[in-house]
Protein backbone atom coordinates (compact mmCIF):
# COMPACT_ATOMS: atom_id res chain seq x y z
CA MET A 1 0.02 0.14 -0.13
CA PRO A 2 1.58 3.45 -0.84
CA ASP A 3 2.81 5.67 1.77
CA ASP A 4 1.52 9.32 2.14
CA ILE A 5 4.10 11.84 3.12
CA LEU A 6 2.45 14.81 5.20
CA ILE A 7 5.12 17.25 5.97
CA SER A 8 4.12 20.50 8.47
CA ALA A 9 6.82 23.23 8.41
CA GLY A 10 7.75 24.74 11.77
CA LEU A 11 9.77 27.74 12.55
CA ARG A 12 12.33 25.88 14.21
CA ARG A 13 11.61 22.31 12.88
CA HIS A 14 9.87 20.75 10.33
CA ARG A 15 7.67 17.34 11.13
CA ILE A 16 7.53 14.53 8.54
CA ALA A 17 4.64 12.13 8.87
CA VAL A 18 4.54 8.74 6.76
CA VAL A 19 0.84 7.46 6.44
CA GLN A 20 -0.66 4.37 5.28
CA ASP A 21 -4.15 3.83 4.94
CA GLY A 22 -4.76 6.89 7.19
CA ARG A 23 -2.77 5.55 10.15
CA LEU A 24 0.63 7.27 11.33
CA ILE A 25 3.61 4.64 11.05
CA GLU A 26 6.62 6.85 11.15
CA LEU A 27 7.34 10.40 12.59
CA HIS A 28 10.78 12.06 11.69
CA LEU A 29 11.84 15.37 12.67
CA GLY A 30 14.11 18.04 10.62
CA GLU A 31 15.57 21.31 11.63
CA ALA A 32 13.99 24.20 9.87
CA ASP A 33 17.43 26.25 9.84
CA THR A 34 20.14 23.47 9.04
CA ALA A 35 22.83 26.10 9.98
CA THR A 36 22.00 25.35 13.70
CA SER A 37 20.40 22.12 13.18
CA ALA A 38 21.49 19.10 15.08
CA PRO A 39 23.95 16.29 13.65
CA LEU A 40 22.21 14.38 11.02
CA PRO A 41 22.28 10.72 10.97
CA GLU A 42 24.97 9.11 8.86
CA ARG A 43 27.12 11.86 8.74
CA ILE A 44 30.58 11.10 8.29
CA ILE A 45 33.37 12.22 10.34
CA LEU A 46 37.36 12.47 10.86
CA GLY A 47 37.95 11.16 13.98
CA ARG A 48 40.85 10.15 16.20
CA VAL A 49 41.26 6.89 17.82
CA LYS A 50 41.41 7.61 21.92
CA THR A 51 41.72 4.13 23.46
CA ILE A 52 41.80 0.26 21.90
CA GLN A 53 39.67 -2.06 23.96
CA GLY A 54 41.19 -5.60 23.59
CA ASP A 55 38.26 -7.21 25.94
CA LEU A 56 35.53 -5.51 24.18
CA ASP A 57 37.42 -5.84 20.60
CA ALA A 58 36.55 -2.40 19.81
CA ALA A 59 37.95 1.05 20.00
CA PHE A 60 36.74 4.23 21.21
CA VAL A 61 37.16 7.38 18.83
CA ASP A 62 36.76 11.04 19.76
CA ILE A 63 34.35 12.55 16.81
CA GLY A 64 33.79 15.61 18.66
CA GLU A 65 30.72 14.83 20.47
CA GLU A 66 29.78 14.35 24.37
CA ARG A 67 31.08 10.95 24.51
CA ASP A 68 33.41 9.08 22.47
CA ALA A 69 31.91 6.71 19.78
CA LEU A 70 32.40 3.04 19.65
CA LEU A 71 34.12 1.39 16.93
CA PRO A 72 33.72 -2.68 16.94
CA ALA A 73 36.40 -4.55 15.27
CA ARG A 74 33.67 -5.75 12.64
CA ASP A 75 33.12 -2.22 11.41
CA ALA A 76 36.88 -1.28 11.32
CA ALA A 77 38.81 -3.68 9.31
CA ALA A 78 38.45 -4.53 5.48
CA LYS A 79 38.57 -8.32 6.49
CA ARG A 80 36.05 -9.86 8.91
CA GLY A 81 37.77 -11.52 12.14
CA THR A 82 40.80 -9.13 12.44
CA ALA A 83 41.20 -8.01 15.98
CA ILE A 84 40.74 -4.36 16.64
CA ALA A 85 44.30 -3.92 17.69
CA LYS A 86 45.47 -4.92 14.18
CA ALA A 87 42.73 -2.89 12.33
CA VAL A 88 43.30 0.59 14.15
CA GLN A 89 46.37 2.31 16.27
CA GLN A 90 45.62 4.49 18.95
CA GLY A 91 45.95 8.22 18.02
CA GLN A 92 44.97 7.33 14.42
CA SER A 93 43.17 9.59 12.39
CA LEU A 94 40.05 7.65 10.77
CA VAL A 95 37.30 8.51 8.56
CA VAL A 96 34.02 7.20 9.99
CA GLN A 97 30.43 7.13 9.58
CA VAL A 98 27.69 7.32 12.23
CA LYS A 99 25.77 4.27 12.39
CA ARG A 100 23.74 4.94 15.59
CA GLU A 101 23.13 7.72 17.43
CA ALA A 102 24.71 8.14 21.19
CA GLU A 103 21.95 7.22 23.59
CA ASP A 104 21.48 7.40 27.61
CA GLU A 105 24.87 6.83 28.60
CA LYS A 106 26.20 5.20 25.47
CA GLY A 107 28.25 7.20 22.97
CA ALA A 108 27.54 6.62 19.13
CA ARG A 109 27.92 3.43 17.09
CA ILE A 110 30.30 4.01 14.09
CA SER A 111 31.85 2.26 11.28
CA ALA A 112 35.26 3.00 9.50
CA ARG A 113 33.38 1.48 6.23
CA PRO A 114 31.20 4.13 5.04
CA ARG A 115 28.09 3.94 2.78
CA LEU A 116 26.94 6.52 0.55
CA LYS A 117 23.05 6.07 -0.15
CA GLY A 118 21.53 7.03 -3.71
CA ARG A 119 17.94 6.52 -4.90
CA ALA A 120 18.69 3.13 -6.68
CA LEU A 121 22.64 2.54 -5.92
CA VAL A 122 24.21 2.08 -2.28
CA LEU A 123 27.97 2.78 -2.88
CA LEU A 124 30.50 1.14 -0.56
CA PRO A 125 34.11 2.71 -1.45
CA LEU A 126 36.24 0.56 0.76
CA GLY A 127 33.97 -2.56 -0.36
CA GLN A 128 34.40 -5.23 -3.26
CA ASP A 129 31.33 -7.28 -3.82
CA ILE A 130 28.15 -5.85 -6.13
CA GLU A 131 24.69 -7.16 -4.67
CA LEU A 132 21.43 -7.07 -6.00
CA SER A 133 18.37 -6.54 -3.56
CA ARG A 134 16.42 -9.56 -2.84
CA HIS A 135 13.19 -7.49 -3.52
CA ILE A 136 14.22 -7.68 -7.60
CA LYS A 137 12.47 -10.75 -8.35
CA ASP A 138 12.14 -10.59 -12.49
CA GLY A 139 15.18 -12.48 -13.90
CA ALA A 140 15.62 -10.55 -16.89
CA GLN A 141 16.20 -7.38 -14.93
CA ARG A 142 18.36 -9.27 -12.48
CA GLN A 143 20.71 -10.10 -15.24
CA ARG A 144 20.91 -6.78 -16.63
CA LEU A 145 21.80 -5.57 -13.49
CA GLN A 146 24.24 -8.11 -12.73
CA HIS A 147 25.84 -7.22 -15.88
CA LEU A 148 25.78 -3.55 -15.43
CA GLY A 149 27.28 -3.67 -12.11
CA PRO A 150 30.87 -4.05 -12.84
CA SER A 151 30.87 -0.93 -15.08
CA LEU A 152 29.63 1.26 -12.29
CA ARG A 153 32.91 0.88 -9.99
CA ASP A 154 35.50 3.44 -9.92
CA ASP A 155 38.67 2.00 -11.63
CA GLU A 156 37.40 -1.49 -10.58
CA ARG A 157 37.30 -0.17 -7.09
CA GLY A 158 34.53 -0.24 -4.68
CA GLY A 159 31.56 -2.17 -3.68
CA LEU A 160 27.67 -1.67 -4.67
CA ILE A 161 24.28 -2.38 -3.75
CA LEU A 162 21.76 -2.26 -6.42
CA ARG A 163 18.27 -1.52 -4.61
CA SER A 164 14.81 -2.31 -5.69
CA ALA A 165 14.42 0.99 -7.54
CA ALA A 166 17.29 0.29 -9.69
CA GLU A 167 14.91 -2.56 -11.65
CA LYS A 168 12.96 0.51 -13.03
CA THR A 169 16.06 2.80 -13.41
CA SER A 170 17.84 3.00 -17.03
CA ASP A 171 21.52 1.98 -17.34
CA ALA A 172 22.35 5.77 -18.31
CA GLU A 173 20.32 6.79 -15.12
CA LEU A 174 22.54 4.08 -12.80
CA ARG A 175 25.54 5.31 -14.33
CA ALA A 176 24.93 8.96 -13.63
CA GLU A 177 24.06 7.78 -10.03
CA ALA A 178 27.28 6.05 -9.50
CA ALA A 179 29.32 8.91 -10.88
CA ALA A 180 27.60 11.35 -8.34
CA LEU A 181 28.34 9.07 -5.78
CA TRP A 182 31.81 8.23 -6.60
CA GLN A 183 32.48 12.36 -6.64
CA GLN A 184 30.73 12.87 -3.43
CA TRP A 185 33.24 10.15 -2.24
CA ARG A 186 36.26 11.78 -3.32
CA ASP A 187 34.97 15.06 -2.07
CA ILE A 188 35.01 13.25 1.51
CA GLN A 189 38.44 11.98 0.86
CA ALA A 190 39.96 15.34 -0.29
CA ALA A 191 38.38 17.13 2.98
CA ALA A 192 39.65 14.44 4.99
CA GLN A 193 43.61 15.11 3.69
CA THR A 194 43.32 19.02 5.25
CA ALA A 195 40.85 18.48 7.99
CA LYS A 196 42.05 18.13 11.74
CA PRO A 197 40.08 15.42 13.70
CA PRO A 198 37.88 15.68 14.94
CA ALA A 199 35.94 17.12 11.82
CA ARG A 200 32.65 16.67 10.08
CA LEU A 201 33.43 15.64 6.57
CA ALA A 202 29.95 15.06 5.24
CA PRO A 203 26.64 16.34 6.99
CA GLY A 204 24.23 13.06 6.84
CA ASP A 205 21.09 12.36 5.78
CA ASP A 206 18.38 15.29 5.80
CA PRO A 207 15.19 13.68 7.12
CA ILE A 208 12.91 15.04 4.33
CA GLY A 209 15.43 14.14 1.53
CA LYS A 210 16.03 10.54 2.96
CA ILE A 211 12.23 9.76 3.01
CA LEU A 212 11.46 10.85 -0.20
CA ARG A 213 14.62 9.21 -1.63
CA GLU A 214 13.89 5.81 0.09
CA ARG A 215 10.70 5.39 -1.47
CA SER A 216 10.09 3.78 -4.82
CA GLY A 217 7.43 4.70 -7.19
CA ALA A 218 5.03 2.15 -6.25
CA SER A 219 5.23 2.75 -2.46
CA LEU A 220 5.32 6.62 -2.56
CA GLY A 221 1.76 8.06 -2.83
CA ARG A 222 0.64 11.74 -2.12
CA ILE A 223 3.22 14.23 -1.10
CA CYS A 224 1.56 17.03 0.87
CA VAL A 225 3.36 20.28 2.39
CA ASP A 226 1.90 23.17 4.11
CA ASP A 227 4.20 25.82 3.32
CA ALA A 228 4.75 26.95 -0.43
CA ALA A 229 8.31 27.83 0.24
CA LEU A 230 9.34 24.36 1.56
CA ALA A 231 7.19 22.68 -1.24
CA GLY A 232 9.43 24.71 -3.68
CA GLU A 233 12.62 23.62 -2.17
CA LEU A 234 11.51 20.14 -2.26
CA ARG A 235 10.36 20.06 -5.82
CA GLN A 236 14.08 20.93 -6.49
CA THR A 237 15.42 18.12 -4.27
CA LEU A 238 12.98 15.48 -5.95
CA ARG A 239 14.01 16.61 -9.40
CA LYS A 240 17.38 15.84 -8.53
CA ILE A 241 16.64 12.33 -7.02
CA TRP A 242 13.84 11.19 -9.62
CA GLY A 243 14.76 13.68 -12.67
CA ASP A 244 11.66 14.36 -15.06
CA GLY A 245 9.54 11.41 -13.35
CA ALA A 246 9.53 13.08 -9.84
CA PRO A 247 6.17 13.03 -8.23
CA VAL A 248 4.09 15.96 -7.68
CA ILE A 249 4.21 17.89 -4.33
CA GLU A 250 0.60 19.30 -3.18
CA VAL A 251 0.38 22.38 -1.04
CA HIS A 252 -1.84 22.27 1.83
CA ASP A 253 -4.01 25.45 1.79
CA ASN A 254 -7.17 24.41 3.89
CA ALA A 255 -7.57 26.76 7.28
CA THR A 256 -7.73 23.29 9.14
CA PRO A 257 -3.84 22.56 10.19
CA LEU A 258 -2.37 19.73 7.82
CA PHE A 259 -1.70 17.18 10.84
CA ASP A 260 -5.08 18.31 12.70
CA GLU A 261 -7.09 17.45 9.16
CA HIS A 262 -5.61 13.85 9.23
CA ASP A 263 -5.95 13.38 13.25
CA LEU A 264 -2.24 13.10 13.38
CA GLU A 265 -1.74 14.96 16.70
CA GLY A 266 -3.95 12.43 18.57
CA GLN A 267 -1.93 9.66 17.23
CA ILE A 268 1.49 11.12 18.20
CA GLU A 269 0.14 11.41 21.71
CA THR A 270 -0.99 8.18 21.77
CA ALA A 271 2.41 6.99 20.53
CA LEU A 272 4.04 8.40 23.62
CA SER A 273 1.68 6.55 26.09
CA LEU A 274 1.99 3.01 27.65
CA HIS A 275 -0.83 1.66 25.87
CA ALA A 276 -2.30 1.35 22.32
CA ARG A 277 -5.71 0.60 21.84
CA LEU A 278 -7.03 -2.22 19.63
CA PRO A 279 -10.23 -1.95 17.30
CA SER A 280 -12.11 -4.99 19.52
CA GLY A 281 -11.47 -3.10 22.56
CA GLY A 282 -8.40 -4.66 23.77
CA ARG A 283 -5.23 -3.27 24.00
CA ILE A 284 -1.35 -3.79 24.21
CA ILE A 285 0.83 -2.47 26.80
CA ILE A 286 4.62 -1.63 26.01
CA GLU A 287 6.97 -1.42 28.71
CA HIS A 288 10.90 -0.72 28.09
CA THR A 289 13.69 -2.06 30.37
CA GLN A 290 17.22 -2.02 30.16
CA ALA A 291 17.48 -5.59 28.24
CA LEU A 292 14.51 -5.53 25.84
CA THR A 293 11.18 -4.14 25.38
CA ALA A 294 8.10 -6.17 26.81
CA ILE A 295 4.62 -6.10 24.94
CA ASP A 296 1.46 -7.47 26.81
CA VAL A 297 -1.73 -8.46 24.60
CA ASP A 298 -4.61 -7.65 27.10
CA SER A 299 -8.03 -8.31 25.65
CA ALA A 300 -9.20 -6.03 28.40
CA GLN A 301 -13.00 -4.73 27.28
CA ALA A 302 -12.70 -6.96 23.96
CA THR A 303 -15.97 -8.76 23.17
CA SER A 304 -16.81 -11.06 20.41
CA ALA A 305 -19.79 -13.15 19.45
CA GLY A 306 -17.92 -16.13 19.76
CA ASP A 307 -16.18 -17.97 22.46
CA ALA A 308 -12.83 -17.22 24.32
CA ALA A 309 -10.97 -19.11 21.75
CA ARG A 310 -12.17 -16.85 19.32
CA LEU A 311 -11.74 -13.70 21.31
CA ALA A 312 -8.06 -14.87 21.90
CA GLN A 313 -7.63 -15.46 17.98
CA GLU A 314 -9.13 -12.05 16.95
CA THR A 315 -7.47 -10.13 19.73
CA ASN A 316 -3.79 -11.53 19.09
CA LEU A 317 -4.55 -10.75 15.06
CA GLU A 318 -5.18 -7.15 16.05
CA ALA A 319 -2.42 -6.92 18.68
CA ALA A 320 0.13 -8.45 15.74
CA ARG A 321 -0.81 -5.69 13.44
CA GLU A 322 -0.83 -2.87 15.88
CA VAL A 323 2.69 -4.00 17.33
CA ALA A 324 4.15 -4.02 13.56
CA ARG A 325 2.86 -0.39 13.56
CA GLN A 326 4.15 0.60 16.76
CA LEU A 327 7.41 -0.80 16.44
CA ARG A 328 7.98 1.74 13.18
CA LEU A 329 6.21 4.57 15.01
CA ARG A 330 7.94 4.47 18.48
CA GLU A 331 11.39 3.54 16.48
CA ILE A 332 11.57 0.36 19.00
CA GLY A 333 15.01 -1.33 18.64
CA GLY A 334 16.70 -4.21 19.96
CA ARG A 335 15.23 -7.29 21.55
CA VAL A 336 11.25 -7.30 22.06
CA VAL A 337 9.44 -9.94 23.93
CA ILE A 338 5.32 -9.98 22.93
CA ASP A 339 3.16 -12.01 25.49
CA PHE A 340 0.24 -13.06 23.14
CA ILE A 341 -2.96 -14.29 24.66
CA PRO A 342 -2.80 -18.15 25.02
CA MET A 343 -4.45 -20.03 21.99
CA HIS A 344 -5.55 -23.58 21.90
CA GLY A 345 -7.13 -23.95 18.30
CA LYS A 346 -5.08 -26.14 15.91
CA GLY A 347 -2.90 -24.03 13.46
CA GLN A 348 -3.62 -20.58 15.11
CA ALA A 349 -0.44 -19.77 16.22
CA THR A 350 0.94 -20.74 12.76
CA ASP A 351 -1.63 -18.29 11.20
CA LEU A 352 -0.88 -15.57 13.61
CA LEU A 353 3.10 -15.67 12.94
CA ALA A 354 2.48 -15.95 9.11
CA ARG A 355 0.41 -12.70 9.55
CA PHE A 356 2.95 -10.88 11.55
CA ARG A 357 5.39 -11.60 9.48
CA ARG A 358 3.87 -9.97 6.34
CA TRP A 359 2.82 -7.06 8.66
CA LEU A 360 6.52 -6.69 9.15
CA ALA A 361 7.64 -7.30 5.56
CA ASP A 362 7.78 -3.42 4.80
CA ASP A 363 9.69 -2.47 8.15
CA PRO A 364 13.03 -0.80 7.66
CA GLY A 365 14.18 -1.99 10.56
CA GLN A 366 15.27 -5.36 9.36
CA VAL A 367 12.90 -7.40 11.68
CA ARG A 368 13.77 -11.05 12.85
CA LEU A 369 10.81 -12.79 14.19
CA GLY A 370 11.00 -15.92 16.27
CA ALA A 371 8.74 -18.57 16.88
CA MET A 372 5.94 -18.85 19.55
CA SER A 373 6.89 -20.64 22.84
CA GLU A 374 4.66 -22.89 24.82
CA MET A 375 3.39 -20.07 27.05
CA GLY A 376 2.61 -17.58 23.88
CA LEU A 377 5.60 -15.45 24.05
CA VAL A 378 7.14 -14.40 20.64
CA GLU A 379 10.53 -12.88 20.43
CA LEU A 380 11.88 -10.43 17.74
CA THR A 381 14.83 -8.09 17.20
CA ARG A 382 14.73 -5.09 15.29
CA ARG A 383 17.36 -2.76 14.06
CA ARG A 384 16.69 1.15 15.32
CA GLN A 385 16.68 3.54 12.24
CA GLN A 386 16.74 6.74 14.56
CA PRO A 387 16.29 7.46 18.25
CA ALA A 388 13.17 6.18 19.85
CA LEU A 389 10.18 8.61 19.43
CA ALA A 390 9.68 9.29 23.00
CA LEU A 391 13.32 10.56 23.17
CA ARG A 392 12.81 12.75 20.24
CA LEU A 393 9.60 14.26 21.80
CA GLY A 394 10.54 13.77 25.39
CA GLU A 395 12.92 13.36 28.10
CA ALA A 396 13.16 11.48 31.15
CA CYS A 397 11.52 13.09 34.41
CA PRO A 398 14.35 14.37 36.34
CA HIS A 399 12.31 13.83 39.42
CA CYS A 400 11.81 9.91 38.97
CA GLN A 401 14.89 9.42 36.38
CA GLY A 402 12.57 8.01 33.93
CA ARG A 403 10.72 5.44 36.01
CA GLY A 404 7.13 7.02 36.01
CA LEU A 405 7.08 7.03 39.98
CA ARG A 406 8.05 9.49 42.28
CA PRO A 407 8.21 8.75 45.99
CA THR A 408 5.82 9.78 48.60
CA PRO A 409 5.68 12.53 51.02
CA ARG A 410 5.89 9.93 53.71
CA ALA A 411 8.93 8.32 52.29
CA VAL A 412 11.00 11.83 51.72
CA ALA A 413 10.00 12.73 55.29
CA ASP A 414 11.43 9.48 56.39
CA ASN A 415 14.48 10.17 54.51
CA LEU A 416 15.00 13.57 55.76
CA LEU A 417 14.44 12.30 59.46
CA GLN A 418 17.44 10.26 58.75
CA ARG A 419 19.46 13.07 57.37
CA ILE A 420 18.34 15.06 60.41
CA LEU A 421 19.51 12.63 62.68
CA ARG A 422 23.01 12.09 61.22
CA GLU A 423 23.25 16.17 61.46
CA ALA A 424 21.93 16.06 65.12
CA ASP A 425 24.98 13.43 65.98
CA VAL A 426 27.52 16.23 65.10
CA ALA A 427 25.53 19.38 65.97
CA LYS A 428 24.54 19.00 69.62
CA GLY A 429 23.12 21.85 71.49
CA ARG A 430 22.60 23.93 67.99
CA VAL A 431 19.92 24.66 65.87
CA ILE A 432 19.60 22.58 62.38
CA ALA A 433 17.92 24.54 59.50
CA VAL A 434 15.65 22.38 57.16
CA ARG A 435 13.82 23.43 54.39
CA ALA A 436 11.64 21.10 52.43
CA ALA A 437 8.49 20.93 50.12
CA PRO A 438 5.11 21.79 51.64
CA ALA A 439 3.96 18.03 51.42
CA VAL A 440 7.02 16.90 53.22
CA VAL A 441 6.71 19.69 55.95
CA ALA A 442 2.95 18.52 56.58
CA ASP A 443 3.96 15.01 57.04
CA LEU A 444 6.35 15.69 59.79
CA GLY A 445 3.69 18.13 61.64
CA GLY A 446 5.56 21.63 61.07
CA SER A 447 8.38 22.73 63.59
CA ASP A 448 6.18 22.36 66.20
CA GLY A 449 4.99 18.32 65.41
CA GLU A 450 5.45 15.87 67.64
CA VAL A 451 8.32 13.87 65.79
CA LEU A 452 10.63 17.00 65.70
CA THR A 453 9.54 17.70 69.16
CA MET A 454 10.81 14.45 70.56
CA LEU A 455 14.07 14.39 68.35
CA ALA A 456 14.83 17.86 69.99
CA LYS A 457 14.32 16.22 73.57
CA ASP A 458 16.48 13.15 72.62
CA ARG A 459 19.09 14.80 70.75
CA GLY A 460 19.42 18.14 72.26
CA CYS A 461 19.34 20.27 69.21
CA ARG A 462 16.15 22.11 67.88
CA VAL A 463 15.10 21.86 64.38
CA ASP A 464 13.98 24.98 62.41
CA LEU A 465 11.69 23.58 59.72
CA ARG A 466 10.52 25.87 56.88
CA VAL A 467 8.57 25.37 53.90
CA ASP A 468 10.02 26.26 50.33
CA ASP A 469 7.37 26.48 47.77
CA THR A 470 10.03 26.04 44.96
CA PHE A 471 11.46 22.72 46.07
CA ALA A 472 10.34 19.59 44.37
CA LEU A 473 8.60 17.07 46.62
CA GLU A 474 12.08 14.78 46.86
CA THR A 475 14.21 17.78 47.44
CA PHE A 476 15.34 19.07 50.77
CA GLU A 477 18.15 20.99 52.14
CA VAL A 478 19.60 20.71 56.13
CA THR A 479 22.35 23.16 57.32
CA THR A 480 23.68 23.86 60.64
CA PRO A 481 24.46 27.56 60.71
CA ARG A 482 27.56 28.55 63.02
């Protein structure tokens, strides 16, 4: 089914929605002012090797960001199986490409084997093989492209991947695209000769350009932009990518905002919650841990005209389809475990997995789906294409450290009492000044409350407890003025 691309231009950043059959399946963000924009994905950098970690078989490379980037041995050496100590040297300048952005406490993941992407080709300048996309099924086209592939190299150097779009691209267009990619690589090499690491050599993939480039004609439906000036810039971009066959870009001129017209704001809000509703009344519950993402299928208020077995089957099928959508929309990566409702009908699990696999087929995250266990658990892995949606639109709560919980006033008050007791041991006969949030002070009964009165009597010191309305619930301050 073709994807519609809806682009809402903002003063500071643009939002790019990929919509399928009226439902949001991807959301991308692009900076309106590229001069002040955040680093783009797949940027190419001249870095410097800081340390080599033999136990990890990896190196840490300074790429000019807050944390050093991780370079595994398999992405550092031309030959697989080469140890990191033989692939790079400490202090070495190295051209690398960011494969995965820094997240939480981890630095970026990088490769010393860059890839330059076009619409129909991917250039691997340090590679050797010529590969054809598995989506090219036509035998005559495969034979044409296999014959053409070697002529797209530069002096018999480099590797190439001919993407599915190559099937409907002429030989002349493929040669022109290959020449442009090779020129881009030569420009990067020239910049590396004069740059001082760390230095950015190529900016990376602009989100809007990438989305338009990655869609082939058959998978690209309507393109609509709510800003005429941005639409004009994108038309120029499309002509560079598609030539005369560039798709049409519409300009949204309705009084109703573009995203509101398609109910995208509500879908974005839902994508940030723990739950996703199913048509029958059931739901899936999505929770993230350090090791994996757990998804629980819950029939909740779902009803079915049939028996419990039919209800389980229908809810599981709805859940599988919604999970396939949520993986892309929320940009969930790594290991995912799904707890489906137990099914007992013959062949139901086989049918569920077959349909689930079809719904996952178009996911660019290269999903690997496992079998169903006896307990109804299904495991899959997915490669994340960009930071999770929650991290792009939100941040971890500083008060609960992202746990979604905060302590009760009684718990904070108990912690405060322990702190006061420690101070009282070294401040006998002196006043202990305490400031805390209103709810905590109320829990202690104020300065004249029974708890602090007994403490003063037992420890021989007075507590001057005051409310500070600016304090968060778990924040308090204990001092002993001299």
